[in-house]
Amino acid sequence: MMVFENYALVVIRLVIVVLGIIIIYLSFKSHRQNHSSAMLLVSTGFAFVTVGVVIEGVLFEFFGFDIFTAHTVESILVALGFMAIIYSIYGAKS
């Protein structure tokens, strides 16, 4: 049963990565077309969130980090990404 759960988690993470890459691409494309710093921050924010989603498993499975440390790194990256997205909405000049 554990093997199925591992594969299910990997598939879910891959879907999140693909969706994150699409959002990053679209927001960066918008930044290039409109020269909008807000869209650059959205792109950067989603890049941090997407990397954060992947990094926990990579650190835990391949580099031998304990789950607490790996999850802490993931949480920090996701928080940084959300801060960039929030700043793009409320603080960035277009």
C-alpha atoms as a PDB file:
ATOM      1  CA  MET A   1       0.000   0.000   0.000  1.00  0.00           C
ATOM      2  CA  MET A   2       2.858   2.373   0.751  1.00  0.00           C
ATOM      3  CA  VAL A   3       4.152   2.139  -2.822  1.00  0.00           C
ATOM      4  CA  PHE A   4       0.787   3.292  -4.229  1.00  0.00           C
ATOM      5  CA  GLU A   5       0.754   6.247  -1.830  1.00  0.00           C
ATOM      6  CA  ASN A   6       4.262   7.248  -2.900  1.00  0.00           C
ATOM      7  CA  TYR A   7       3.314   7.107  -6.578  1.00  0.00           C
ATOM      8  CA  ALA A   8       0.115   9.044  -5.929  1.00  0.00           C
ATOM      9  CA  LEU A   9       2.092  11.775  -4.156  1.00  0.00           C
ATOM     10  CA  VAL A  10       4.625  11.934  -6.992  1.00  0.00           C
ATOM     11  CA  VAL A  11       1.837  12.253  -9.583  1.00  0.00           C
ATOM     12  CA  ILE A  12       0.133  15.013  -7.578  1.00  0.00           C
ATOM     13  CA  ARG A  13       3.433  16.872  -7.208  1.00  0.00           C
ATOM     14  CA  LEU A  14       4.080  16.553 -10.951  1.00  0.00           C
ATOM     15  CA  VAL A  15       0.652  18.004 -11.731  1.00  0.00           C
ATOM     16  CA  ILE A  16       1.403  20.922  -9.396  1.00  0.00           C
ATOM     17  CA  VAL A  17       4.767  21.481 -11.098  1.00  0.00           C
ATOM     18  CA  VAL A  18       3.210  21.468 -14.567  1.00  0.00           C
ATOM     19  CA  LEU A  19       0.502  23.919 -13.484  1.00  0.00           C
ATOM     20  CA  GLY A  20       3.123  26.093 -11.778  1.00  0.00           C
ATOM     21  CA  ILE A  21       5.265  26.157 -14.911  1.00  0.00           C
ATOM     22  CA  ILE A  22       2.245  27.191 -16.987  1.00  0.00           C
ATOM     23  CA  ILE A  23       1.464  30.046 -14.578  1.00  0.00           C
ATOM     24  CA  ILE A  24       5.118  31.118 -14.521  1.00  0.00           C
ATOM     25  CA  TYR A  25       5.271  31.095 -18.313  1.00  0.00           C
ATOM     26  CA  LEU A  26       2.034  33.036 -18.789  1.00  0.00           C
ATOM     27  CA  SER A  27       2.857  35.672 -16.185  1.00  0.00           C
ATOM     28  CA  PHE A  28       6.403  36.118 -17.504  1.00  0.00           C
ATOM     29  CA  LYS A  29       5.044  36.385 -21.046  1.00  0.00           C
ATOM     30  CA  SER A  30       2.662  39.096 -19.818  1.00  0.00           C
ATOM     31  CA  HIS A  31       5.589  40.876 -18.149  1.00  0.00           C
ATOM     32  CA  ARG A  32       7.546  40.829 -21.425  1.00  0.00           C
ATOM     33  CA  GLN A  33       4.597  42.179 -23.436  1.00  0.00           C
ATOM     34  CA  ASN A  34       3.497  44.894 -21.003  1.00  0.00           C
ATOM     35  CA  HIS A  35       6.744  45.587 -19.107  1.00  0.00           C
ATOM     36  CA  SER A  36       4.771  45.137 -15.893  1.00  0.00           C
ATOM     37  CA  SER A  37       6.847  44.688 -12.755  1.00  0.00           C
ATOM     38  CA  ALA A  38       3.760  43.255 -11.039  1.00  0.00           C
ATOM     39  CA  MET A  39       3.642  40.369 -13.502  1.00  0.00           C
ATOM     40  CA  LEU A  40       7.354  39.750 -13.004  1.00  0.00           C
ATOM     41  CA  LEU A  41       6.703  39.476  -9.271  1.00  0.00           C
ATOM     42  CA  VAL A  42       3.791  37.089  -9.897  1.00  0.00           C
ATOM     43  CA  SER A  43       6.085  34.964 -12.039  1.00  0.00           C
ATOM     44  CA  THR A  44       8.790  35.008  -9.368  1.00  0.00           C
ATOM     45  CA  GLY A  45       6.290  34.217  -6.621  1.00  0.00           C
ATOM     46  CA  PHE A  46       4.897  31.198  -8.420  1.00  0.00           C
ATOM     47  CA  ALA A  47       8.442  30.042  -9.198  1.00  0.00           C
ATOM     48  CA  PHE A  48       9.197  30.015  -5.461  1.00  0.00           C
ATOM     49  CA  VAL A  49       5.946  28.173  -4.708  1.00  0.00           C
ATOM     50  CA  THR A  50       6.581  25.608  -7.440  1.00  0.00           C
ATOM     51  CA  VAL A  51      10.159  24.966  -6.342  1.00  0.00           C
ATOM     52  CA  GLY A  52       8.962  24.769  -2.734  1.00  0.00           C
ATOM     53  CA  VAL A  53       6.505  22.031  -3.642  1.00  0.00           C
ATOM     54  CA  VAL A  54       9.239  19.921  -5.213  1.00  0.00           C
ATOM     55  CA  ILE A  55      12.132  20.617  -2.867  1.00  0.00           C
ATOM     56  CA  GLU A  56      10.693  18.811   0.152  1.00  0.00           C
ATOM     57  CA  GLY A  57      10.607  15.448  -1.610  1.00  0.00           C
ATOM     58  CA  VAL A  58      13.990  15.972  -3.227  1.00  0.00           C
ATOM     59  CA  LEU A  59      15.680  16.878   0.056  1.00  0.00           C
ATOM     60  CA  PHE A  60      14.010  14.008   1.902  1.00  0.00           C
ATOM     61  CA  GLU A  61      14.342  11.245  -0.707  1.00  0.00           C
ATOM     62  CA  PHE A  62      17.660  12.038  -2.381  1.00  0.00           C
ATOM     63  CA  PHE A  63      19.714  14.056   0.094  1.00  0.00           C
ATOM     64  CA  GLY A  64      18.751  12.325   3.337  1.00  0.00           C
ATOM     65  CA  PHE A  65      17.302  15.350   5.134  1.00  0.00           C
ATOM     66  CA  ASP A  66      14.869  14.578   7.919  1.00  0.00           C
ATOM     67  CA  ILE A  67      11.246  15.342   7.098  1.00  0.00           C
ATOM     68  CA  PHE A  68      11.070  18.298   9.512  1.00  0.00           C
ATOM     69  CA  THR A  69      14.003  20.097   7.875  1.00  0.00           C
ATOM     70  CA  ALA A  70      12.759  19.341   4.362  1.00  0.00           C
ATOM     71  CA  HIS A  71       9.287  20.606   5.221  1.00  0.00           C
ATOM     72  CA  THR A  72      10.743  23.741   6.835  1.00  0.00           C
ATOM     73  CA  VAL A  73      12.657  24.558   3.640  1.00  0.00           C
ATOM     74  CA  GLU A  74       9.501  23.977   1.595  1.00  0.00           C
ATOM     75  CA  SER A  75       7.463  26.221   3.892  1.00  0.00           C
ATOM     76  CA  ILE A  76      10.010  29.032   3.693  1.00  0.00           C
ATOM     77  CA  LEU A  77      10.037  28.934  -0.114  1.00  0.00           C
ATOM     78  CA  VAL A  78       6.241  28.851  -0.323  1.00  0.00           C
ATOM     79  CA  ALA A  79       5.998  31.767   2.131  1.00  0.00           C
ATOM     80  CA  LEU A  80       8.500  33.790   0.063  1.00  0.00           C
ATOM     81  CA  GLY A  81       6.489  33.033  -3.056  1.00  0.00           C
ATOM     82  CA  PHE A  82       3.245  34.144  -1.463  1.00  0.00           C
ATOM     83  CA  MET A  83       4.901  37.327  -0.206  1.00  0.00           C
ATOM     84  CA  ALA A  84       6.043  38.128  -3.757  1.00  0.00           C
ATOM     85  CA  ILE A  85       2.531  37.491  -5.093  1.00  0.00           C
ATOM     86  CA  ILE A  86       0.945  39.660  -2.402  1.00  0.00           C
ATOM     87  CA  TYR A  87       3.459  42.422  -3.077  1.00  0.00           C
ATOM     88  CA  SER A  88       2.688  42.210  -6.794  1.00  0.00           C
ATOM     89  CA  ILE A  89      -0.988  42.811  -6.032  1.00  0.00           C
ATOM     90  CA  TYR A  90      -0.672  45.585  -3.454  1.00  0.00           C
ATOM     91  CA  GLY A  91       2.754  47.154  -3.693  1.00  0.00           C
ATOM     92  CA  ALA A  92       4.297  46.914  -7.127  1.00  0.00           C
ATOM     93  CA  LYS A  93       4.157  49.774  -9.562  1.00  0.00           C
ATOM     94  CA  SER A  94       3.014  48.780 -13.028  1.00  0.00           C
END
